[in-house]
Amino acid sequence: MEVRHGRCRLRTVKPEDAELLLRWENDPSVWEVSGTTRPFTPEEIEQFIAEQQAGIEICGQLRLMIENDQDETVGAVDLFEFNPDKREAGVGILIHNPSHRRKGYAFEALVALASYAHTTLRLDRLWCNIFPENEASLSLFRRAGYKKADYIPQADSDWMSGRSILRFQKEL
């Protein structure tokens, strides 16, 4: 599976991505926003990649790798909590290397993802949760057409540690 927008290409995660995903997932600097609480093993990453091959309808989530126009893998975008009955899913995105940030890759990936979610998966809504102090994510999702839908004070989730979050959503 492949989706393009501008200089950005989204592609299905492959076994060759295991080392890169292991490095990204085990970077403590992104754990706060990803909900990760412990390092992943190589075997867990390999299992995750294998499960992805079954499709979002089976495993409830979809990880797509973001490549730029030089075929560099610069990040990943996820659909999670896929709900075909409500026709919605959550969105998460990571541009790991700071040298690839603020170059438009995340925006282009969100545009491509929204198109794929609507035309292929028949979703009507995408949503994301953002910490109020995460100005970069707030700006990105607003620019991509997401609107503030809710404020959740002291969210009840282990990984959010009682912190407040903003829920944004985009109607497709």
C-alpha atoms as a PDB file:
ATOM      1  CA  MET A   1       0.000   0.000   0.000  1.00  0.00           C
ATOM      2  CA  GLU A   2       1.288   3.436  -0.902  1.00  0.00           C
ATOM      3  CA  VAL A   3      -0.206   6.933  -0.687  1.00  0.00           C
ATOM      4  CA  ARG A   4       1.462  10.137  -1.875  1.00  0.00           C
ATOM      5  CA  HIS A   5       0.985  13.827  -1.219  1.00  0.00           C
ATOM      6  CA  GLY A   6       3.496  16.443  -2.283  1.00  0.00           C
ATOM      7  CA  ARG A   7       7.000  15.273  -1.404  1.00  0.00           C
ATOM      8  CA  CYS A   8       5.688  12.688   1.021  1.00  0.00           C
ATOM      9  CA  ARG A   9       4.959   9.004   0.517  1.00  0.00           C
ATOM     10  CA  LEU A  10       3.229   6.760   3.051  1.00  0.00           C
ATOM     11  CA  ARG A  11       3.965   3.069   2.773  1.00  0.00           C
ATOM     12  CA  THR A  12       3.193  -0.071   4.704  1.00  0.00           C
ATOM     13  CA  VAL A  13       5.679  -1.008   7.404  1.00  0.00           C
ATOM     14  CA  LYS A  14       8.070  -3.789   6.305  1.00  0.00           C
ATOM     15  CA  PRO A  15      10.331  -6.236   8.182  1.00  0.00           C
ATOM     16  CA  GLU A  16      13.313  -4.129   7.063  1.00  0.00           C
ATOM     17  CA  ASP A  17      11.935  -1.280   9.225  1.00  0.00           C
ATOM     18  CA  ALA A  18      12.406  -3.271  12.447  1.00  0.00           C
ATOM     19  CA  GLU A  19      15.748  -1.744  13.463  1.00  0.00           C
ATOM     20  CA  LEU A  20      14.554   1.810  12.819  1.00  0.00           C
ATOM     21  CA  LEU A  21      11.269   1.246  14.664  1.00  0.00           C
ATOM     22  CA  LEU A  22      13.106  -0.304  17.599  1.00  0.00           C
ATOM     23  CA  ARG A  23      15.329   2.785  17.836  1.00  0.00           C
ATOM     24  CA  TRP A  24      12.370   5.178  17.621  1.00  0.00           C
ATOM     25  CA  GLU A  25      10.092   3.251  19.992  1.00  0.00           C
ATOM     26  CA  ASN A  26      12.870   2.899  22.570  1.00  0.00           C
ATOM     27  CA  ASP A  27      13.782   6.597  22.575  1.00  0.00           C
ATOM     28  CA  PRO A  28      12.625   7.843  26.003  1.00  0.00           C
ATOM     29  CA  SER A  29      12.233  11.378  24.638  1.00  0.00           C
ATOM     30  CA  VAL A  30       9.071  10.286  22.770  1.00  0.00           C
ATOM     31  CA  TRP A  31       7.600   8.035  25.447  1.00  0.00           C
ATOM     32  CA  GLU A  32       5.543  10.832  26.984  1.00  0.00           C
ATOM     33  CA  VAL A  33       3.424  11.280  23.858  1.00  0.00           C
ATOM     34  CA  SER A  34       3.431   7.652  22.715  1.00  0.00           C
ATOM     35  CA  GLY A  35       2.366   6.063  25.971  1.00  0.00           C
ATOM     36  CA  THR A  36       5.404   3.779  26.042  1.00  0.00           C
ATOM     37  CA  THR A  37       6.418   2.809  29.573  1.00  0.00           C
ATOM     38  CA  ARG A  38       9.269   0.364  28.944  1.00  0.00           C
ATOM     39  CA  PRO A  39      11.674  -0.518  26.138  1.00  0.00           C
ATOM     40  CA  PHE A  40      10.495  -2.889  23.427  1.00  0.00           C
ATOM     41  CA  THR A  41      12.456  -6.010  22.544  1.00  0.00           C
ATOM     42  CA  PRO A  42      13.460  -6.736  18.943  1.00  0.00           C
ATOM     43  CA  GLU A  43      11.046  -9.680  19.031  1.00  0.00           C
ATOM     44  CA  GLU A  44       8.144  -7.431  20.049  1.00  0.00           C
ATOM     45  CA  ILE A  45       8.863  -5.059  17.167  1.00  0.00           C
ATOM     46  CA  GLU A  46       9.073  -7.976  14.727  1.00  0.00           C
ATOM     47  CA  GLN A  47       5.749  -9.302  16.046  1.00  0.00           C
ATOM     48  CA  PHE A  48       4.178  -5.838  15.684  1.00  0.00           C
ATOM     49  CA  ILE A  49       5.330  -5.644  12.050  1.00  0.00           C
ATOM     50  CA  ALA A  50       3.983  -9.141  11.356  1.00  0.00           C
ATOM     51  CA  GLU A  51       0.610  -8.235  12.898  1.00  0.00           C
ATOM     52  CA  GLN A  52       0.437  -5.139  10.695  1.00  0.00           C
ATOM     53  CA  GLN A  53       0.334  -7.362   7.629  1.00  0.00           C
ATOM     54  CA  ALA A  54      -3.145  -8.590   8.679  1.00  0.00           C
ATOM     55  CA  GLY A  55      -4.600  -5.125   8.085  1.00  0.00           C
ATOM     56  CA  ILE A  56      -6.337  -2.518  10.186  1.00  0.00           C
ATOM     57  CA  GLU A  57      -9.633  -4.395  10.098  1.00  0.00           C
ATOM     58  CA  ILE A  58      -8.029  -7.307  11.988  1.00  0.00           C
ATOM     59  CA  CYS A  59      -5.508  -5.659  14.324  1.00  0.00           C
ATOM     60  CA  GLY A  60      -7.330  -2.332  14.877  1.00  0.00           C
ATOM     61  CA  GLN A  61      -4.362  -0.187  13.970  1.00  0.00           C
ATOM     62  CA  LEU A  62      -2.219   0.768  11.014  1.00  0.00           C
ATOM     63  CA  ARG A  63       1.368   2.009  10.985  1.00  0.00           C
ATOM     64  CA  LEU A  64       2.601   3.711   7.834  1.00  0.00           C
ATOM     65  CA  MET A  65       6.159   4.844   7.285  1.00  0.00           C
ATOM     66  CA  ILE A  66       6.714   8.384   6.002  1.00  0.00           C
ATOM     67  CA  GLU A  67       9.289   8.771   3.246  1.00  0.00           C
ATOM     68  CA  ASN A  68      10.461  12.019   1.687  1.00  0.00           C
ATOM     69  CA  ASP A  69      11.225  12.624  -1.977  1.00  0.00           C
ATOM     70  CA  GLN A  70      14.798  11.327  -1.451  1.00  0.00           C
ATOM     71  CA  ASP A  71      13.347   7.976  -0.261  1.00  0.00           C
ATOM     72  CA  GLU A  72      14.511   8.615   3.321  1.00  0.00           C
ATOM     73  CA  THR A  73      12.236   7.232   6.022  1.00  0.00           C
ATOM     74  CA  VAL A  74      11.651  10.336   8.136  1.00  0.00           C
ATOM     75  CA  GLY A  75       8.817   9.217  10.383  1.00  0.00           C
ATOM     76  CA  ALA A  76       5.705   7.183  10.950  1.00  0.00           C
ATOM     77  CA  VAL A  77       2.000   7.862  11.176  1.00  0.00           C
ATOM     78  CA  ASP A  78      -0.499   5.608  12.921  1.00  0.00           C
ATOM     79  CA  LEU A  79      -4.205   5.006  12.851  1.00  0.00           C
ATOM     80  CA  PHE A  80      -5.313   3.372  16.099  1.00  0.00           C
ATOM     81  CA  GLU A  81      -8.551   2.566  17.925  1.00  0.00           C
ATOM     82  CA  PHE A  82     -10.008   1.912  14.476  1.00  0.00           C
ATOM     83  CA  ASN A  83     -13.788   1.817  14.828  1.00  0.00           C
ATOM     84  CA  PRO A  84     -15.577   0.901  11.592  1.00  0.00           C
ATOM     85  CA  ASP A  85     -19.006   1.206  13.271  1.00  0.00           C
ATOM     86  CA  LYS A  86     -18.384   4.823  14.279  1.00  0.00           C
ATOM     87  CA  ARG A  87     -16.287   5.284  11.123  1.00  0.00           C
ATOM     88  CA  GLU A  88     -13.426   6.876  13.052  1.00  0.00           C
ATOM     89  CA  ALA A  89      -9.857   6.306  14.228  1.00  0.00           C
ATOM     90  CA  GLY A  90      -7.201   8.025  16.296  1.00  0.00           C
ATOM     91  CA  VAL A  91      -4.071   9.471  14.698  1.00  0.00           C
ATOM     92  CA  GLY A  92      -0.498   9.606  15.961  1.00  0.00           C
ATOM     93  CA  ILE A  93       2.536  10.917  14.115  1.00  0.00           C
ATOM     94  CA  LEU A  94       6.291  11.021  14.682  1.00  0.00           C
ATOM     95  CA  ILE A  95       9.045  12.775  12.786  1.00  0.00           C
ATOM     96  CA  HIS A  96      11.904  11.450  14.889  1.00  0.00           C
ATOM     97  CA  ASN A  97      15.025  13.256  13.698  1.00  0.00           C
ATOM     98  CA  PRO A  98      14.908  16.982  14.541  1.00  0.00           C
ATOM     99  CA  SER A  99      16.636  17.745  11.216  1.00  0.00           C
ATOM    100  CA  HIS A 100      13.526  16.433   9.404  1.00  0.00           C
ATOM    101  CA  ARG A 101      11.075  18.467  11.468  1.00  0.00           C
ATOM    102  CA  ARG A 102       9.494  21.734  10.324  1.00  0.00           C
ATOM    103  CA  LYS A 103       9.938  20.761   6.669  1.00  0.00           C
ATOM    104  CA  GLY A 104       6.299  19.948   5.958  1.00  0.00           C
ATOM    105  CA  TYR A 105       6.599  16.153   6.062  1.00  0.00           C
ATOM    106  CA  ALA A 106       4.184  15.742   8.970  1.00  0.00           C
ATOM    107  CA  PHE A 107       1.604  18.017   7.339  1.00  0.00           C
ATOM    108  CA  GLU A 108       1.855  16.211   4.002  1.00  0.00           C
ATOM    109  CA  ALA A 109       1.598  12.855   5.793  1.00  0.00           C
ATOM    110  CA  LEU A 110      -1.581  13.948   7.593  1.00  0.00           C
ATOM    111  CA  VAL A 111      -3.131  15.117   4.307  1.00  0.00           C
ATOM    112  CA  ALA A 112      -2.267  11.803   2.617  1.00  0.00           C
ATOM    113  CA  LEU A 113      -3.530   9.831   5.619  1.00  0.00           C
ATOM    114  CA  ALA A 114      -6.863  11.695   5.686  1.00  0.00           C
ATOM    115  CA  SER A 115      -7.386  10.964   1.999  1.00  0.00           C
ATOM    116  CA  TYR A 116      -6.597   7.265   2.487  1.00  0.00           C
ATOM    117  CA  ALA A 117      -8.770   7.036   5.610  1.00  0.00           C
ATOM    118  CA  HIS A 118     -11.741   8.544   3.811  1.00  0.00           C
ATOM    119  CA  THR A 119     -11.509   6.953   0.368  1.00  0.00           C
ATOM    120  CA  THR A 120     -10.145   3.503   1.238  1.00  0.00           C
ATOM    121  CA  LEU A 121     -11.198   2.877   4.838  1.00  0.00           C
ATOM    122  CA  ARG A 122     -14.468   4.837   4.515  1.00  0.00           C
ATOM    123  CA  LEU A 123     -13.857   6.765   7.730  1.00  0.00           C
ATOM    124  CA  ASP A 124     -15.736   9.995   8.458  1.00  0.00           C
ATOM    125  CA  ARG A 125     -13.617  11.267  11.347  1.00  0.00           C
ATOM    126  CA  LEU A 126     -10.046  11.249  12.601  1.00  0.00           C
ATOM    127  CA  TRP A 127      -9.073  12.411  16.078  1.00  0.00           C
ATOM    128  CA  CYS A 128      -5.952  12.985  18.139  1.00  0.00           C
ATOM    129  CA  ASN A 129      -5.064  13.799  21.741  1.00  0.00           C
ATOM    130  CA  ILE A 130      -2.502  16.540  22.354  1.00  0.00           C
ATOM    131  CA  PHE A 131      -1.003  17.902  25.551  1.00  0.00           C
ATOM    132  CA  PRO A 132      -1.892  21.638  25.780  1.00  0.00           C
ATOM    133  CA  GLU A 133       1.771  22.661  26.000  1.00  0.00           C
ATOM    134  CA  ASN A 134       2.731  20.796  22.799  1.00  0.00           C
ATOM    135  CA  GLU A 135       2.607  23.857  20.544  1.00  0.00           C
ATOM    136  CA  ALA A 136       4.218  22.109  17.565  1.00  0.00           C
ATOM    137  CA  SER A 137       1.529  19.401  17.474  1.00  0.00           C
ATOM    138  CA  LEU A 138      -1.277  21.892  18.092  1.00  0.00           C
ATOM    139  CA  SER A 139      -0.073  23.989  15.162  1.00  0.00           C
ATOM    140  CA  LEU A 140       0.390  20.964  12.894  1.00  0.00           C
ATOM    141  CA  PHE A 141      -3.045  19.472  13.486  1.00  0.00           C
ATOM    142  CA  ARG A 142      -4.799  22.848  13.219  1.00  0.00           C
ATOM    143  CA  ARG A 143      -3.045  23.473   9.920  1.00  0.00           C
ATOM    144  CA  ALA A 144      -4.178  20.025   8.730  1.00  0.00           C
ATOM    145  CA  GLY A 145      -7.808  20.965   9.412  1.00  0.00           C
ATOM    146  CA  TYR A 146      -8.359  19.451  12.846  1.00  0.00           C
ATOM    147  CA  LYS A 147     -10.602  21.405  15.236  1.00  0.00           C
ATOM    148  CA  LYS A 148     -10.636  21.360  19.019  1.00  0.00           C
ATOM    149  CA  ALA A 149     -13.411  19.011  20.102  1.00  0.00           C
ATOM    150  CA  ASP A 150     -12.842  18.569  23.826  1.00  0.00           C
ATOM    151  CA  TYR A 151     -10.713  19.467  26.822  1.00  0.00           C
ATOM    152  CA  ILE A 152     -10.096  16.575  29.183  1.00  0.00           C
ATOM    153  CA  PRO A 153      -8.764  17.805  32.535  1.00  0.00           C
ATOM    154  CA  GLN A 154      -6.553  15.282  34.290  1.00  0.00           C
ATOM    155  CA  ALA A 155      -7.169  12.526  31.762  1.00  0.00           C
ATOM    156  CA  ASP A 156      -7.701   9.120  33.323  1.00  0.00           C
ATOM    157  CA  SER A 157      -5.004   7.073  31.637  1.00  0.00           C
ATOM    158  CA  ASP A 158      -1.880   5.455  33.041  1.00  0.00           C
ATOM    159  CA  TRP A 159       0.491   7.069  30.579  1.00  0.00           C
ATOM    160  CA  MET A 160      -1.025  10.551  30.851  1.00  0.00           C
ATOM    161  CA  SER A 161      -0.342  10.624  34.599  1.00  0.00           C
ATOM    162  CA  GLY A 162      -3.384  12.761  35.337  1.00  0.00           C
ATOM    163  CA  ARG A 163      -2.362  15.478  32.876  1.00  0.00           C
ATOM    164  CA  SER A 164      -4.887  17.442  30.876  1.00  0.00           C
ATOM    165  CA  ILE A 165      -5.231  16.822  27.161  1.00  0.00           C
ATOM    166  CA  LEU A 166      -6.940  18.454  24.227  1.00  0.00           C
ATOM    167  CA  ARG A 167      -8.863  16.300  21.793  1.00  0.00           C
ATOM    168  CA  PHE A 168      -8.878  17.509  18.204  1.00  0.00           C
ATOM    169  CA  GLN A 169     -10.859  15.961  15.386  1.00  0.00           C
ATOM    170  CA  LYS A 170     -11.207  16.288  11.649  1.00  0.00           C
ATOM    171  CA  GLU A 171     -14.359  15.510   9.724  1.00  0.00           C
ATOM    172  CA  LEU A 172     -13.480  13.857   6.419  1.00  0.00           C
END
